[in-house]
Each structure stands twice: as structure tokens, then as C-alpha cells.
Amino acid sequence: MTAVGAPAVFALVFLLLYVVSRRRDPRMLRNGVFLTAAAFFALATAVAALTLVVPGFSLVVGTVLLLVPLAVVVLGVALIANGFRMLRSEGRSLGNTLSLLAGVLVFVLPAVAIALFVAASGEGFTLWDGTRIAVAVLMVFVCGYFAVSLVAFAVYSVVYGRMRHGTVPDKIVVLGSGLIRGEVPPLLRSRLDRALVVYRAERAAGRRPLLIPSGGQGDDEPRAEGTAMAEYLLANGADPDDVRPETESRNTRENLRLSRAVQAEAGRDGQVVVVTNDYHVLRAATLARRLDLPAQVVGARTAPYYVPSAFLREFVAVVVEHRWLNVVACTPFVLFTAFLLWESFQQR
């Protein structure tokens, strides 16, 4: 198979897998893996074809590859700058430092891997040299795995967030995100405003979906989020008969599960639209799928500076929720590292 034909076949295979999987359920994370793989092999096909037919195009490709380290540096600097912006604007918390930590790791991890390789390249070869190489290789593989996973998650988050689902909701669930001094802050207000847009469109079409603002009372909150959210909805034109707050949930999973109980109490059993912020749509959708809810998720716009840390927080949460899958995926890397260590031991 030619250099053009092989990636083209892979691109078509992954594109077919994506189409079939998305038609089955657009909320599955594997859709992002299939879509990202299809895009990668399609790009590889285009590059291979242009290299064959355009004189000097291989030089362009080489130049782009040489710029990759510069792009990584720019990414690291941008993440660190965003991290300091988050700390100034949103206060100190672990979630608000994620972009700063990611930016630091962009510089630290490659430096550590390079240092390990360099340290093992001296004269002679000891078991300790083999250990350094094995650890460096494991770092490269594991970091590469999570970097690709992050790209796939990011790509499909954008794609899913822009889908038109065609759902006719019998219930609109608005996920809580915290109050400030008992009042609705801008981030949560954007979710409520997006829910009101959906609600008004349904009312204009002659339907009356149930609005369920969902959120319990945090340790630093004087009242439940659902109560404050309901007040905002009513103050902005929602019919009191259509608003049923849920005030016990503490996280997204409970938002969805307890809102279903509110829906059942109201005698509603139709489709659901869940409203959150754009960085949160895919994770909320996957949770809805795991809870077997007939729900699709739409997102409200978020201030750009807030997105990197919030999105990284979502990715970390998804990794933790699927930790055993990630352990299995990383097992071949660990086994390969063990093989390198064994080879080092044999050469002593």
C-alpha cells in the first residue's frame, strides 16, 4: 500500500466508525477518539499527496515540524499567563490553578525526560542508565497518551457543543455552579439566560417545558443554589407553574439524578435538555448517558479567560471517572518499560 493509500484507508475507517458511533449516541467519548483519528489520518493523506505532486512541499513540512517546539513553548507561556489571570480574577483554589500547573508541566516534563536520556548516554552502560531510559520512555508514552486524549476530548467538546440535537424538551434542567454571597454570579447567570432562551422558544411553539434549576447549598453559601436560580428565572419571565427547583444536589451527577426525581413528581416523562456552560457540555452529556437519561446538553458562553482552567478541570474529572479504562490503556506502556528494565538487567 502506498504512502498516500495507507493513511487514506485509516481516515475512511475512522470516519465511518465516527459516523456510526455518533448516530448510535452522540454523547459517547469514543466519538471524539474516532473523529480525531479520522482528522489526523486525513491530514497525513493530504500531506503525503502534496509531497508527491508539489515540488518542495517536503521542505514546508520540515519547517512546520521544526516550529513544533516553538508552539509548545508558546502554549506553556499562554497557560501560565492564564493561570495568573485566573488567580487574580477568581481567587486561589486548586481548580483555578490548573492552567498554571499545566503550563509549568509543559516545560518541566520534557526537560526531565531529556535530562534522563542525556544522563544515560555517557560512557558504559549500567542498570541505573537503563532505568533512566525506561523512566524517560514511560514519561513520553504516558504524557503522549494523555495529550492525545485531551485533544480528542477538546475536539469533540467543541463539536458536541455545536450540534443541533432537535430535542423537544419536556424538561429543562439548569445545572448549578455556585453562588456569590447568596446571589447568582455571571457564570451561573449565563446558564440561566441560555435556559430562558430555550424555554421561550418552546413556549412560542405552544409547549410548556418544566424548568428545573438544580443545585444544593454549599458550605460557603447562605442558601441553596436552586432557590436563587429559581428566583432569577421568575424575575425574568418564567411562569411560576413551570419552575420546580431542586435544592439537594452537590455535584453534576446528583444534579441530573435528583432532577429526574423532580420530573417524576411533576408527572413529566419526556425528553430533557440540560443547560450548563460550554466547557462542561460533553462531561455532562456523558454523565446523562451513564444515568440512562433521555437528555442532550446545550452550553452557555463562558468568559474566554475562564475556559482553560475550567476545561482542564473537566478533563481531569473525566480521566478520574474512567480511571480503570485509562489504567488498561497505559498498561502496554508499563509493560514496555518493564521490558526495557529487563534488557538493562540482562546487559549487566
Protein backbone atom coordinates (compact mmCIF):
# COMPACT_ATOMS: atom_id res chain seq x y z
CA MET A 1 0.00 0.00 0.00
CA THR A 2 1.36 3.44 -0.95
CA ALA A 3 2.28 6.28 1.40
CA VAL A 4 -0.94 8.01 0.35
CA GLY A 5 -3.20 4.95 0.30
CA ALA A 6 -2.48 3.68 3.83
CA PRO A 7 -3.44 6.85 5.75
CA ALA A 8 -6.41 7.38 3.40
CA VAL A 9 -7.78 3.94 4.31
CA PHE A 10 -7.32 4.63 8.02
CA ALA A 11 -9.03 8.02 7.62
CA LEU A 12 -12.03 6.41 5.97
CA VAL A 13 -12.23 3.64 8.56
CA PHE A 14 -12.17 6.05 11.50
CA LEU A 15 -14.61 8.40 9.77
CA LEU A 16 -17.02 5.50 9.28
CA LEU A 17 -16.61 4.49 12.92
CA TYR A 18 -17.31 8.08 13.95
CA VAL A 19 -20.45 8.37 11.85
CA VAL A 20 -21.85 5.05 13.08
CA SER A 21 -20.98 5.75 16.72
CA ARG A 22 -22.38 9.27 16.64
CA ARG A 23 -25.64 8.08 15.10
CA ARG A 24 -25.88 5.49 17.84
CA ASP A 25 -25.37 8.09 20.59
CA PRO A 26 -23.66 11.49 20.19
CA ARG A 27 -22.80 11.55 23.91
CA MET A 28 -20.10 8.86 23.83
CA LEU A 29 -16.49 9.88 24.43
CA ARG A 30 -15.23 7.39 21.85
CA ASN A 31 -16.76 9.64 19.18
CA GLY A 32 -14.02 12.16 19.90
CA VAL A 33 -11.34 9.49 19.54
CA PHE A 34 -12.73 8.35 16.17
CA LEU A 35 -13.15 11.92 14.90
CA THR A 36 -9.65 12.97 15.96
CA ALA A 37 -8.09 9.86 14.42
CA ALA A 38 -10.00 10.43 11.17
CA ALA A 39 -8.82 14.06 11.05
CA PHE A 40 -5.20 13.04 11.76
CA PHE A 41 -5.09 10.42 9.01
CA ALA A 42 -6.90 12.74 6.59
CA LEU A 43 -4.22 15.35 7.25
CA ALA A 44 -1.50 12.72 6.80
CA THR A 45 -3.10 11.74 3.48
CA ALA A 46 -3.15 15.34 2.29
CA VAL A 47 0.47 15.91 3.33
CA ALA A 48 1.63 12.71 1.61
CA ALA A 49 -0.26 13.59 -1.59
CA LEU A 50 1.04 17.17 -1.70
CA THR A 51 4.60 15.96 -1.08
CA LEU A 52 4.33 13.77 -4.19
CA VAL A 53 2.82 16.37 -6.52
CA VAL A 54 4.13 19.73 -5.28
CA PRO A 55 7.91 20.28 -5.63
CA GLY A 56 9.49 21.48 -2.43
CA PHE A 57 6.46 20.75 -0.24
CA SER A 58 8.53 18.39 1.91
CA LEU A 59 10.60 21.44 2.87
CA VAL A 60 7.42 23.16 4.07
CA VAL A 61 6.54 20.09 6.14
CA GLY A 62 10.02 20.02 7.66
CA THR A 63 9.78 23.72 8.54
CA VAL A 64 6.43 23.19 10.24
CA LEU A 65 7.84 20.29 12.25
CA LEU A 66 10.76 22.44 13.36
CA LEU A 67 8.26 25.02 14.63
CA VAL A 68 6.53 22.47 16.87
CA PRO A 69 8.88 23.10 19.84
CA LEU A 70 8.20 26.83 19.50
CA ALA A 71 4.45 26.14 19.51
CA VAL A 72 4.88 24.09 22.70
CA VAL A 73 6.76 26.98 24.33
CA VAL A 74 4.03 29.43 23.31
CA LEU A 75 1.39 27.08 24.71
CA GLY A 76 3.24 26.79 28.02
CA VAL A 77 3.64 30.55 28.36
CA ALA A 78 -0.03 31.12 27.48
CA LEU A 79 -1.18 28.59 30.09
CA ILE A 80 0.99 30.13 32.80
CA ALA A 81 -0.27 33.63 31.97
CA ASN A 82 -3.85 32.36 32.05
CA GLY A 83 -3.20 30.71 35.41
CA PHE A 84 -2.12 34.01 36.96
CA ARG A 85 -5.16 35.71 35.41
CA MET A 86 -7.41 33.08 36.99
CA LEU A 87 -5.83 33.57 40.41
CA ARG A 88 -6.32 37.34 40.20
CA SER A 89 -9.89 37.18 38.90
CA GLU A 90 -11.33 34.08 40.58
CA GLY A 91 -9.27 33.63 43.75
CA ARG A 92 -6.98 30.89 44.96
CA SER A 93 -8.25 27.33 44.65
CA LEU A 94 -6.96 24.10 43.18
CA GLY A 95 -9.34 24.31 40.23
CA ASN A 96 -8.22 27.85 39.41
CA THR A 97 -4.54 26.83 39.30
CA LEU A 98 -4.93 24.04 36.73
CA SER A 99 -3.89 26.10 33.71
CA LEU A 100 -0.89 27.41 35.67
CA LEU A 101 0.12 23.87 36.67
CA ALA A 102 -0.37 22.63 33.10
CA GLY A 103 1.83 25.43 31.78
CA VAL A 104 4.60 24.55 34.23
CA LEU A 105 4.37 20.86 33.29
CA VAL A 106 4.69 21.77 29.59
CA PHE A 107 8.24 22.92 30.40
CA VAL A 108 9.14 20.57 33.25
CA LEU A 109 8.18 17.17 31.78
CA PRO A 110 10.17 17.47 28.51
CA ALA A 111 13.14 18.85 30.47
CA VAL A 112 13.07 15.90 32.86
CA ALA A 113 12.78 13.36 30.01
CA ILE A 114 15.66 14.96 28.10
CA ALA A 115 17.79 15.07 31.25
CA LEU A 116 17.19 11.36 31.86
CA PHE A 117 18.17 10.46 28.29
CA VAL A 118 21.30 12.64 28.48
CA ALA A 119 22.31 11.19 31.84
CA ALA A 120 22.12 7.68 30.38
CA SER A 121 24.20 8.46 27.29
CA GLY A 122 27.62 8.58 28.93
CA GLU A 123 30.38 6.03 28.64
CA GLY A 124 29.50 2.50 29.67
CA PHE A 125 26.01 1.29 30.37
CA THR A 126 24.78 0.41 33.84
CA LEU A 127 21.49 -0.84 35.23
CA TRP A 128 20.90 2.67 36.51
CA ASP A 129 21.31 4.02 32.95
CA GLY A 130 18.73 1.52 31.73
CA THR A 131 16.37 2.60 34.50
CA ARG A 132 16.74 6.24 33.46
CA ILE A 133 15.93 5.39 29.84
CA ALA A 134 12.95 3.25 30.85
CA VAL A 135 11.51 6.00 33.04
CA ALA A 136 12.04 8.58 30.30
CA VAL A 137 10.33 6.36 27.72
CA LEU A 138 7.41 5.75 30.10
CA MET A 139 7.07 9.51 30.65
CA VAL A 140 7.00 10.12 26.89
CA PHE A 141 4.39 7.42 26.26
CA VAL A 142 2.11 8.33 29.17
CA CYS A 143 2.32 12.07 28.52
CA GLY A 144 1.65 11.41 24.84
CA TYR A 145 -1.37 9.27 25.69
CA PHE A 146 -2.94 11.93 27.90
CA ALA A 147 -2.06 14.72 25.45
CA VAL A 148 -3.83 12.87 22.63
CA SER A 149 -6.76 12.11 24.95
CA LEU A 150 -7.00 15.80 25.85
CA VAL A 151 -7.01 16.79 22.18
CA ALA A 152 -9.74 14.25 21.38
CA PHE A 153 -11.80 15.45 24.35
CA ALA A 154 -11.34 19.09 23.34
CA VAL A 155 -12.20 18.48 19.69
CA TYR A 156 -15.35 16.57 20.45
CA SER A 157 -16.40 19.00 23.19
CA VAL A 158 -16.45 21.74 20.56
CA VAL A 159 -18.23 19.52 18.02
CA TYR A 160 -20.85 18.29 20.50
CA GLY A 161 -21.42 21.79 21.84
CA ARG A 162 -22.27 23.00 18.33
CA MET A 163 -24.63 20.16 17.44
CA ARG A 164 -28.29 20.83 16.79
CA HIS A 165 -29.97 17.97 18.61
CA GLY A 166 -33.56 18.61 17.56
CA THR A 167 -34.72 17.64 21.04
CA VAL A 168 -38.23 18.75 22.04
CA PRO A 169 -37.78 19.05 25.79
CA ASP A 170 -40.41 18.24 28.36
CA LYS A 171 -37.92 19.41 30.99
CA ILE A 172 -35.07 21.94 31.02
CA VAL A 173 -32.51 21.27 33.76
CA VAL A 174 -30.13 24.10 34.63
CA LEU A 175 -27.00 22.90 36.43
CA GLY A 176 -25.84 24.98 39.37
CA SER A 177 -22.32 26.36 39.64
CA GLY A 178 -22.13 28.23 42.93
CA LEU A 179 -23.47 31.47 44.37
CA ILE A 180 -21.59 34.57 45.48
CA ARG A 181 -22.94 35.99 48.73
CA GLY A 182 -26.18 34.17 48.06
CA GLU A 183 -26.71 35.76 44.64
CA VAL A 184 -26.43 34.46 41.08
CA PRO A 185 -22.96 35.33 39.64
CA PRO A 186 -22.26 35.98 35.93
CA LEU A 187 -21.18 32.39 35.19
CA LEU A 188 -24.42 30.93 36.53
CA ARG A 189 -26.45 33.77 35.03
CA SER A 190 -25.24 32.78 31.58
CA ARG A 191 -26.66 29.28 32.11
CA LEU A 192 -29.98 30.65 33.29
CA ASP A 193 -30.20 33.05 30.35
CA ARG A 194 -29.49 30.19 27.94
CA ALA A 195 -32.22 28.12 29.60
CA LEU A 196 -34.65 31.02 29.25
CA VAL A 197 -33.89 31.21 25.51
CA VAL A 198 -34.79 27.52 25.15
CA TYR A 199 -37.85 27.93 27.39
CA ARG A 200 -39.22 30.93 25.46
CA ALA A 201 -38.72 29.17 22.14
CA GLU A 202 -40.73 26.22 23.41
CA ARG A 203 -43.48 28.49 24.78
CA ALA A 204 -43.64 30.27 21.41
CA ALA A 205 -44.16 26.85 19.79
CA GLY A 206 -47.11 26.14 22.11
CA ARG A 207 -45.28 23.86 24.56
CA ARG A 208 -44.64 24.28 28.28
CA PRO A 209 -41.45 22.57 29.42
CA LEU A 210 -40.67 22.30 33.10
CA LEU A 211 -37.75 24.45 34.27
CA ILE A 212 -35.66 22.76 36.97
CA PRO A 213 -32.86 24.90 38.40
CA SER A 214 -30.66 22.37 40.18
CA GLY A 215 -28.18 22.96 42.98
CA GLY A 216 -27.89 22.41 46.71
CA GLN A 217 -26.41 24.61 49.42
CA GLY A 218 -22.62 24.60 49.67
CA ASP A 219 -20.71 25.09 52.90
CA ASP A 220 -19.93 28.70 51.92
CA GLU A 221 -23.43 29.53 50.65
CA PRO A 222 -26.25 31.08 52.72
CA ARG A 223 -28.94 29.29 50.70
CA ALA A 224 -29.41 26.61 48.08
CA GLU A 225 -28.34 27.39 44.52
CA GLY A 226 -31.64 26.04 43.18
CA THR A 227 -33.59 28.59 45.22
CA ALA A 228 -31.58 31.57 43.96
CA MET A 229 -31.71 30.24 40.40
CA ALA A 230 -35.49 29.86 40.58
CA GLU A 231 -35.83 33.47 41.76
CA TYR A 232 -33.78 34.62 38.76
CA LEU A 233 -35.91 32.61 36.32
CA LEU A 234 -39.14 34.00 37.78
CA ALA A 235 -37.78 37.56 37.76
CA ASN A 236 -37.00 37.17 34.06
CA GLY A 237 -40.39 35.99 32.87
CA ALA A 238 -40.69 32.28 33.61
CA ASP A 239 -44.17 31.17 34.63
CA PRO A 240 -44.22 30.14 38.33
CA ASP A 241 -46.15 26.99 37.37
CA ASP A 242 -43.23 25.93 35.15
CA VAL A 243 -40.41 26.32 37.72
CA ARG A 244 -39.59 23.48 40.13
CA PRO A 245 -36.21 23.95 41.87
CA GLU A 246 -34.06 21.03 43.03
CA THR A 247 -32.09 22.03 46.13
CA GLU A 248 -30.26 18.93 47.43
CA SER A 249 -27.62 18.10 44.82
CA ARG A 250 -23.89 18.59 45.41
CA ASN A 251 -22.38 17.71 42.00
CA THR A 252 -23.31 17.19 38.37
CA ARG A 253 -24.26 13.55 38.80
CA GLU A 254 -26.65 14.45 41.62
CA ASN A 255 -27.97 17.42 39.61
CA LEU A 256 -29.08 15.01 36.92
CA ARG A 257 -30.28 12.21 39.18
CA LEU A 258 -32.27 14.35 41.61
CA SER A 259 -33.74 16.47 38.82
CA ARG A 260 -35.14 13.27 37.35
CA ALA A 261 -36.96 12.72 40.65
CA VAL A 262 -38.42 16.25 40.43
CA GLN A 263 -39.53 15.50 36.88
CA ALA A 264 -41.21 12.29 38.01
CA GLU A 265 -43.03 14.08 40.84
CA ALA A 266 -44.34 16.59 38.30
CA GLY A 267 -45.64 13.79 36.08
CA ARG A 268 -43.31 14.63 33.20
CA ASP A 269 -41.68 11.78 31.32
CA GLY A 270 -40.37 13.26 28.08
CA GLN A 271 -37.03 14.33 26.70
CA VAL A 272 -34.63 16.56 28.59
CA VAL A 273 -32.40 19.48 27.67
CA VAL A 274 -29.63 20.11 30.18
CA VAL A 275 -28.11 23.60 30.26
CA THR A 276 -24.59 24.27 31.50
CA ASN A 277 -21.55 26.22 30.29
CA ASP A 278 -19.83 25.35 27.02
CA TYR A 279 -16.74 23.86 28.66
CA HIS A 280 -18.94 21.44 30.65
CA VAL A 281 -21.29 20.13 27.94
CA LEU A 282 -19.52 16.90 26.98
CA ARG A 283 -18.91 15.66 30.51
CA ALA A 284 -22.50 16.47 31.50
CA ALA A 285 -23.70 14.60 28.41
CA THR A 286 -21.62 11.52 29.22
CA LEU A 287 -22.97 11.52 32.79
CA ALA A 288 -26.53 11.79 31.47
CA ARG A 289 -25.85 8.82 29.22
CA ARG A 290 -24.46 6.75 32.10
CA LEU A 291 -27.58 7.59 34.13
CA ASP A 292 -29.73 6.45 31.18
CA LEU A 293 -31.40 9.85 30.86
CA PRO A 294 -33.08 10.84 27.56
CA ALA A 295 -31.11 14.08 27.65
CA GLN A 296 -28.94 16.22 25.43
CA VAL A 297 -26.85 19.12 26.69
CA VAL A 298 -26.51 22.69 25.44
CA GLY A 299 -23.91 25.20 26.57
CA ALA A 300 -23.86 28.85 27.50
CA ARG A 301 -20.94 31.09 26.60
CA THR A 302 -18.13 31.50 29.11
CA ALA A 303 -15.61 34.30 29.58
CA PRO A 304 -12.57 33.23 27.47
CA TYR A 305 -10.05 33.60 30.31
CA TYR A 306 -12.06 31.14 32.42
CA VAL A 307 -12.19 28.36 29.83
CA PRO A 308 -8.65 26.82 30.01
CA SER A 309 -8.70 26.03 33.75
CA ALA A 310 -12.36 25.01 33.68
CA PHE A 311 -11.81 22.77 30.68
CA LEU A 312 -8.75 21.13 32.24
CA ARG A 313 -10.84 20.51 35.37
CA GLU A 314 -13.43 18.76 33.23
CA PHE A 315 -10.78 16.63 31.55
CA VAL A 316 -9.28 15.60 34.89
CA ALA A 317 -12.76 14.67 36.13
CA VAL A 318 -13.36 12.52 33.03
CA VAL A 319 -9.98 10.80 33.48
CA VAL A 320 -10.86 10.01 37.11
CA GLU A 321 -14.34 8.78 36.19
CA HIS A 322 -12.82 6.43 33.60
CA ARG A 323 -9.71 5.61 35.62
CA TRP A 324 -9.78 1.86 35.02
CA LEU A 325 -10.05 2.36 31.27
CA ASN A 326 -7.04 4.67 31.43
CA VAL A 327 -5.13 2.15 33.55
CA VAL A 328 -5.77 -0.53 30.93
CA ALA A 329 -4.76 1.85 28.12
CA CYS A 330 -1.48 2.69 29.88
CA THR A 331 -0.66 -0.93 30.74
CA PRO A 332 1.22 -1.61 27.45
CA PHE A 333 3.48 1.37 28.22
CA VAL A 334 4.25 -0.01 31.66
CA LEU A 335 4.96 -3.46 30.21
CA PHE A 336 7.27 -1.96 27.62
CA THR A 337 9.10 -0.09 30.39
CA ALA A 338 9.44 -3.33 32.33
CA PHE A 339 10.87 -4.95 29.20
CA LEU A 340 13.48 -2.19 28.90
CA LEU A 341 14.43 -2.66 32.55
CA TRP A 342 14.76 -6.40 31.99
CA GLU A 343 17.01 -5.81 28.99
CA SER A 344 19.13 -3.47 31.09
CA PHE A 345 19.44 -6.12 33.77
CA GLN A 346 20.47 -8.71 31.19
CA GLN A 347 23.27 -6.42 29.94
CA ARG A 348 24.89 -6.02 33.34
